[in-house]
Amino acid sequence: MKVAGALEILLLAKRQKLVIDVRPIMDNLINQASFRISQQLYVGVLDAANEERNIELTKN
């Protein structure tokens, strides 16, 4: 059994067209669930998802 983290599952969901964009989901995790992620990983996930990567990581 392969173990997958939340971000890997988001990418898989996007590849299978279960979600349109991973960015708003990641932003909600960060802002509402106190999910901690480095800017480098955030950008890497956006790149892997082929989404725009101009970002500002700020917690509201």
PDB file of N, CA and C in Angstrom:
ATOM      1  N   MET A   1       0.847  -1.169   0.000  1.00  0.00           N
ATOM      2  CA  MET A   1       0.000   0.000   0.000  1.00  0.00           C
ATOM      3  C   MET A   1       0.895   1.235   0.000  1.00  0.00           C
ATOM      4  N   LYS A   2       0.618   2.143  -0.892  1.00  0.00           N
ATOM      5  CA  LYS A   2       1.362   3.405  -0.964  1.00  0.00           C
ATOM      6  C   LYS A   2       0.674   4.452  -0.095  1.00  0.00           C
ATOM      7  N   VAL A   3       1.468   5.169   0.684  1.00  0.00           N
ATOM      8  CA  VAL A   3       0.921   6.235   1.529  1.00  0.00           C
ATOM      9  C   VAL A   3       0.979   7.542   0.751  1.00  0.00           C
ATOM     10  N   ALA A   4      -0.118   8.286   0.749  1.00  0.00           N
ATOM     11  CA  ALA A   4      -0.191   9.553   0.022  1.00  0.00           C
ATOM     12  C   ALA A   4      -0.596  10.661   0.979  1.00  0.00           C
ATOM     13  N   GLY A   5       0.039  11.811   0.822  1.00  0.00           N
ATOM     14  CA  GLY A   5      -0.325  12.967   1.622  1.00  0.00           C
ATOM     15  C   GLY A   5      -1.467  13.737   0.983  1.00  0.00           C
ATOM     16  N   ALA A   6      -1.950  14.713   1.705  1.00  0.00           N
ATOM     17  CA  ALA A   6      -3.097  15.502   1.244  1.00  0.00           C
ATOM     18  C   ALA A   6      -2.834  16.174  -0.098  1.00  0.00           C
ATOM     19  N   LEU A   7      -1.633  16.710  -0.292  1.00  0.00           N
ATOM     20  CA  LEU A   7      -1.348  17.421  -1.535  1.00  0.00           C
ATOM     21  C   LEU A   7      -1.239  16.457  -2.716  1.00  0.00           C
ATOM     22  N   GLU A   8      -0.696  15.287  -2.471  1.00  0.00           N
ATOM     23  CA  GLU A   8      -0.635  14.281  -3.529  1.00  0.00           C
ATOM     24  C   GLU A   8      -2.042  13.839  -3.932  1.00  0.00           C
ATOM     25  N   ILE A   9      -2.915  13.723  -2.963  1.00  0.00           N
ATOM     26  CA  ILE A   9      -4.309  13.353  -3.253  1.00  0.00           C
ATOM     27  C   ILE A   9      -4.996  14.455  -4.057  1.00  0.00           C
ATOM     28  N   LEU A  10      -4.705  15.715  -3.729  1.00  0.00           N
ATOM     29  CA  LEU A  10      -5.263  16.827  -4.520  1.00  0.00           C
ATOM     30  C   LEU A  10      -4.804  16.752  -5.977  1.00  0.00           C
ATOM     31  N   LEU A  11      -3.518  16.477  -6.175  1.00  0.00           N
ATOM     32  CA  LEU A  11      -2.997  16.376  -7.542  1.00  0.00           C
ATOM     33  C   LEU A  11      -3.640  15.210  -8.287  1.00  0.00           C
ATOM     34  N   LEU A  12      -3.806  14.102  -7.610  1.00  0.00           N
ATOM     35  CA  LEU A  12      -4.464  12.948  -8.219  1.00  0.00           C
ATOM     36  C   LEU A  12      -5.912  13.284  -8.584  1.00  0.00           C
ATOM     37  N   ALA A  13      -6.601  13.978  -7.700  1.00  0.00           N
ATOM     38  CA  ALA A  13      -7.982  14.383  -7.977  1.00  0.00           C
ATOM     39  C   ALA A  13      -8.054  15.303  -9.200  1.00  0.00           C
ATOM     40  N   LYS A  14      -7.083  16.183  -9.338  1.00  0.00           N
ATOM     41  CA  LYS A  14      -7.075  17.078 -10.506  1.00  0.00           C
ATOM     42  C   LYS A  14      -6.817  16.276 -11.778  1.00  0.00           C
ATOM     43  N   ARG A  15      -5.855  15.359 -11.727  1.00  0.00           N
ATOM     44  CA  ARG A  15      -5.551  14.549 -12.910  1.00  0.00           C
ATOM     45  C   ARG A  15      -6.761  13.725 -13.347  1.00  0.00           C
ATOM     46  N   GLN A  16      -7.567  13.306 -12.377  1.00  0.00           N
ATOM     47  CA  GLN A  16      -8.748  12.510 -12.693  1.00  0.00           C
ATOM     48  C   GLN A  16      -9.981  13.386 -12.934  1.00  0.00           C
ATOM     49  N   LYS A  17      -9.745  14.710 -12.963  1.00  0.00           N
ATOM     50  CA  LYS A  17     -10.803  15.690 -13.232  1.00  0.00           C
ATOM     51  C   LYS A  17     -11.924  15.656 -12.193  1.00  0.00           C
ATOM     52  N   LEU A  18     -11.549  15.351 -10.954  1.00  0.00           N
ATOM     53  CA  LEU A  18     -12.510  15.392  -9.854  1.00  0.00           C
ATOM     54  C   LEU A  18     -12.577  16.782  -9.238  1.00  0.00           C
ATOM     55  N   VAL A  19     -11.511  17.563  -9.413  1.00  0.00           N
ATOM     56  CA  VAL A  19     -11.490  18.969  -9.002  1.00  0.00           C
ATOM     57  C   VAL A  19     -10.949  19.780 -10.166  1.00  0.00           C
ATOM     58  N   ILE A  20     -11.375  21.027 -10.263  1.00  0.00           N
ATOM     59  CA  ILE A  20     -10.928  21.885 -11.355  1.00  0.00           C
ATOM     60  C   ILE A  20      -9.559  22.484 -11.045  1.00  0.00           C
ATOM     61  N   ASP A  21      -9.406  23.036  -9.844  1.00  0.00           N
ATOM     62  CA  ASP A  21      -8.163  23.684  -9.425  1.00  0.00           C
ATOM     63  C   ASP A  21      -7.785  23.244  -8.019  1.00  0.00           C
ATOM     64  N   VAL A  22      -6.487  23.066  -7.789  1.00  0.00           N
ATOM     65  CA  VAL A  22      -6.019  22.709  -6.449  1.00  0.00           C
ATOM     66  C   VAL A  22      -5.713  23.949  -5.609  1.00  0.00           C
ATOM     67  N   ARG A  23      -5.430  25.069  -6.268  1.00  0.00           N
ATOM     68  CA  ARG A  23      -5.067  26.281  -5.529  1.00  0.00           C
ATOM     69  C   ARG A  23      -6.101  26.692  -4.480  1.00  0.00           C
ATOM     70  N   PRO A  24      -7.390  26.823  -4.837  1.00  0.00           N
ATOM     71  CA  PRO A  24      -8.351  27.244  -3.808  1.00  0.00           C
ATOM     72  C   PRO A  24      -8.468  26.241  -2.663  1.00  0.00           C
ATOM     73  N   ILE A  25      -8.273  24.976  -2.961  1.00  0.00           N
ATOM     74  CA  ILE A  25      -8.338  23.964  -1.907  1.00  0.00           C
ATOM     75  C   ILE A  25      -7.133  24.108  -0.981  1.00  0.00           C
ATOM     76  N   MET A  26      -5.947  24.295  -1.563  1.00  0.00           N
ATOM     77  CA  MET A  26      -4.757  24.512  -0.726  1.00  0.00           C
ATOM     78  C   MET A  26      -4.914  25.775   0.106  1.00  0.00           C
ATOM     79  N   ASP A  27      -5.419  26.839  -0.498  1.00  0.00           N
ATOM     80  CA  ASP A  27      -5.618  28.097   0.234  1.00  0.00           C
ATOM     81  C   ASP A  27      -6.588  27.909   1.401  1.00  0.00           C
ATOM     82  N   ASN A  28      -7.664  27.149   1.181  1.00  0.00           N
ATOM     83  CA  ASN A  28      -8.605  26.871   2.267  1.00  0.00           C
ATOM     84  C   ASN A  28      -7.951  26.057   3.369  1.00  0.00           C
ATOM     85  N   LEU A  29      -7.152  25.072   2.993  1.00  0.00           N
ATOM     86  CA  LEU A  29      -6.434  24.295   4.007  1.00  0.00           C
ATOM     87  C   LEU A  29      -5.528  25.191   4.850  1.00  0.00           C
ATOM     88  N   ILE A  30      -4.834  26.101   4.197  1.00  0.00           N
ATOM     89  CA  ILE A  30      -3.914  27.007   4.897  1.00  0.00           C
ATOM     90  C   ILE A  30      -4.685  27.972   5.795  1.00  0.00           C
ATOM     91  N   ASN A  31      -5.717  28.598   5.250  1.00  0.00           N
ATOM     92  CA  ASN A  31      -6.412  29.666   5.968  1.00  0.00           C
ATOM     93  C   ASN A  31      -7.466  29.192   6.959  1.00  0.00           C
ATOM     94  N   GLN A  32      -8.068  28.053   6.709  1.00  0.00           N
ATOM     95  CA  GLN A  32      -9.154  27.611   7.577  1.00  0.00           C
ATOM     96  C   GLN A  32      -8.776  26.438   8.481  1.00  0.00           C
ATOM     97  N   ALA A  33      -7.814  25.636   8.040  1.00  0.00           N
ATOM     98  CA  ALA A  33      -7.470  24.442   8.815  1.00  0.00           C
ATOM     99  C   ALA A  33      -6.053  24.513   9.379  1.00  0.00           C
ATOM    100  N   SER A  34      -5.418  25.677   9.265  1.00  0.00           N
ATOM    101  CA  SER A  34      -4.050  25.875   9.767  1.00  0.00           C
ATOM    102  C   SER A  34      -3.062  24.862   9.183  1.00  0.00           C
ATOM    103  N   PHE A  35      -3.281  24.477   7.934  1.00  0.00           N
ATOM    104  CA  PHE A  35      -2.379  23.576   7.219  1.00  0.00           C
ATOM    105  C   PHE A  35      -1.093  24.330   6.954  1.00  0.00           C
ATOM    106  N   ARG A  36       0.033  23.739   7.298  1.00  0.00           N
ATOM    107  CA  ARG A  36       1.317  24.413   7.123  1.00  0.00           C
ATOM    108  C   ARG A  36       2.025  23.847   5.893  1.00  0.00           C
ATOM    109  N   ILE A  37       2.485  24.758   5.044  1.00  0.00           N
ATOM    110  CA  ILE A  37       3.153  24.357   3.811  1.00  0.00           C
ATOM    111  C   ILE A  37       4.171  25.426   3.452  1.00  0.00           C
ATOM    112  N   SER A  38       5.329  24.993   2.997  1.00  0.00           N
ATOM    113  CA  SER A  38       6.352  25.958   2.593  1.00  0.00           C
ATOM    114  C   SER A  38       5.964  26.576   1.252  1.00  0.00           C
ATOM    115  N   GLN A  39       6.488  27.755   0.996  1.00  0.00           N
ATOM    116  CA  GLN A  39       6.208  28.419  -0.278  1.00  0.00           C
ATOM    117  C   GLN A  39       6.750  27.574  -1.429  1.00  0.00           C
ATOM    118  N   GLN A  40       7.903  26.941  -1.222  1.00  0.00           N
ATOM    119  CA  GLN A  40       8.508  26.102  -2.257  1.00  0.00           C
ATOM    120  C   GLN A  40       7.595  24.920  -2.606  1.00  0.00           C
ATOM    121  N   LEU A  41       7.030  24.269  -1.618  1.00  0.00           N
ATOM    122  CA  LEU A  41       6.126  23.150  -1.868  1.00  0.00           C
ATOM    123  C   LEU A  41       4.832  23.638  -2.511  1.00  0.00           C
ATOM    124  N   TYR A  42       4.309  24.762  -2.044  1.00  0.00           N
ATOM    125  CA  TYR A  42       3.093  25.350  -2.611  1.00  0.00           C
ATOM    126  C   TYR A  42       3.273  25.582  -4.115  1.00  0.00           C
ATOM    127  N   VAL A  43       4.379  26.204  -4.470  1.00  0.00           N
ATOM    128  CA  VAL A  43       4.669  26.483  -5.881  1.00  0.00           C
ATOM    129  C   VAL A  43       4.876  25.181  -6.649  1.00  0.00           C
ATOM    130  N   GLY A  44       5.535  24.214  -6.026  1.00  0.00           N
ATOM    131  CA  GLY A  44       5.747  22.922  -6.674  1.00  0.00           C
ATOM    132  C   GLY A  44       4.444  22.205  -6.978  1.00  0.00           C
ATOM    133  N   VAL A  45       3.498  22.282  -6.070  1.00  0.00           N
ATOM    134  CA  VAL A  45       2.192  21.659  -6.293  1.00  0.00           C
ATOM    135  C   VAL A  45       1.465  22.389  -7.420  1.00  0.00           C
ATOM    136  N   LEU A  46       1.529  23.711  -7.425  1.00  0.00           N
ATOM    137  CA  LEU A  46       0.889  24.466  -8.507  1.00  0.00           C
ATOM    138  C   LEU A  46       1.514  24.113  -9.853  1.00  0.00           C
ATOM    139  N   ASP A  47       2.833  23.974  -9.885  1.00  0.00           N
ATOM    140  CA  ASP A  47       3.506  23.578 -11.129  1.00  0.00           C
ATOM    141  C   ASP A  47       3.041  22.191 -11.576  1.00  0.00           C
ATOM    142  N   ALA A  48       2.997  21.258 -10.631  1.00  0.00           N
ATOM    143  CA  ALA A  48       2.575  19.890 -10.951  1.00  0.00           C
ATOM    144  C   ALA A  48       1.134  19.856 -11.452  1.00  0.00           C
ATOM    145  N   ALA A  49       0.321  20.798 -10.974  1.00  0.00           N
ATOM    146  CA  ALA A  49      -1.088  20.869 -11.378  1.00  0.00           C
ATOM    147  C   ALA A  49      -1.287  21.749 -12.620  1.00  0.00           C
ATOM    148  N   ASN A  50      -0.184  22.292 -13.149  1.00  0.00           N
ATOM    149  CA  ASN A  50      -0.249  23.194 -14.303  1.00  0.00           C
ATOM    150  C   ASN A  50      -1.151  24.386 -14.039  1.00  0.00           C
ATOM    151  N   GLU A  51      -0.985  24.973 -12.845  1.00  0.00           N
ATOM    152  CA  GLU A  51      -1.758  26.157 -12.471  1.00  0.00           C
ATOM    153  C   GLU A  51      -0.822  27.349 -12.311  1.00  0.00           C
ATOM    154  N   GLU A  52      -1.391  28.522 -12.462  1.00  0.00           N
ATOM    155  CA  GLU A  52      -0.647  29.774 -12.305  1.00  0.00           C
ATOM    156  C   GLU A  52       0.054  29.796 -10.951  1.00  0.00           C
ATOM    157  N   ARG A  53       1.319  30.240 -10.935  1.00  0.00           N
ATOM    158  CA  ARG A  53       2.074  30.165  -9.694  1.00  0.00           C
ATOM    159  C   ARG A  53       2.425  31.501  -9.062  1.00  0.00           C
ATOM    160  N   ASN A  54       1.893  32.625  -9.553  1.00  0.00           N
ATOM    161  CA  ASN A  54       2.142  33.895  -8.844  1.00  0.00           C
ATOM    162  C   ASN A  54       1.350  33.855  -7.557  1.00  0.00           C
ATOM    163  N   ILE A  55       2.071  33.894  -6.434  1.00  0.00           N
ATOM    164  CA  ILE A  55       1.416  33.641  -5.138  1.00  0.00           C
ATOM    165  C   ILE A  55       1.826  34.641  -4.098  1.00  0.00           C
ATOM    166  N   GLU A  56       1.012  34.749  -3.115  1.00  0.00           N
ATOM    167  CA  GLU A  56       1.308  35.430  -1.867  1.00  0.00           C
ATOM    168  C   GLU A  56       0.809  34.525  -0.771  1.00  0.00           C
ATOM    169  N   LEU A  57       1.721  33.924  -0.025  1.00  0.00           N
ATOM    170  CA  LEU A  57       1.306  33.051   1.064  1.00  0.00           C
ATOM    171  C   LEU A  57       1.110  33.883   2.308  1.00  0.00           C
ATOM    172  N   THR A  58      -0.116  34.215   2.592  1.00  0.00           N
ATOM    173  CA  THR A  58      -0.424  34.965   3.809  1.00  0.00           C
ATOM    174  C   THR A  58      -1.562  34.269   4.511  1.00  0.00           C
ATOM    175  N   LYS A  59      -1.453  34.182   5.792  1.00  0.00           N
ATOM    176  CA  LYS A  59      -2.519  33.562   6.573  1.00  0.00           C
ATOM    177  C   LYS A  59      -3.428  34.673   7.068  1.00  0.00           C
ATOM    178  N   ASN A  60      -4.714  34.566   6.803  1.00  0.00           N
ATOM    179  CA  ASN A  60      -5.683  35.572   7.230  1.00  0.00           C
ATOM    180  C   ASN A  60      -6.080  35.372   8.656  1.00  0.00           C
TER     181      ASN A  60
END
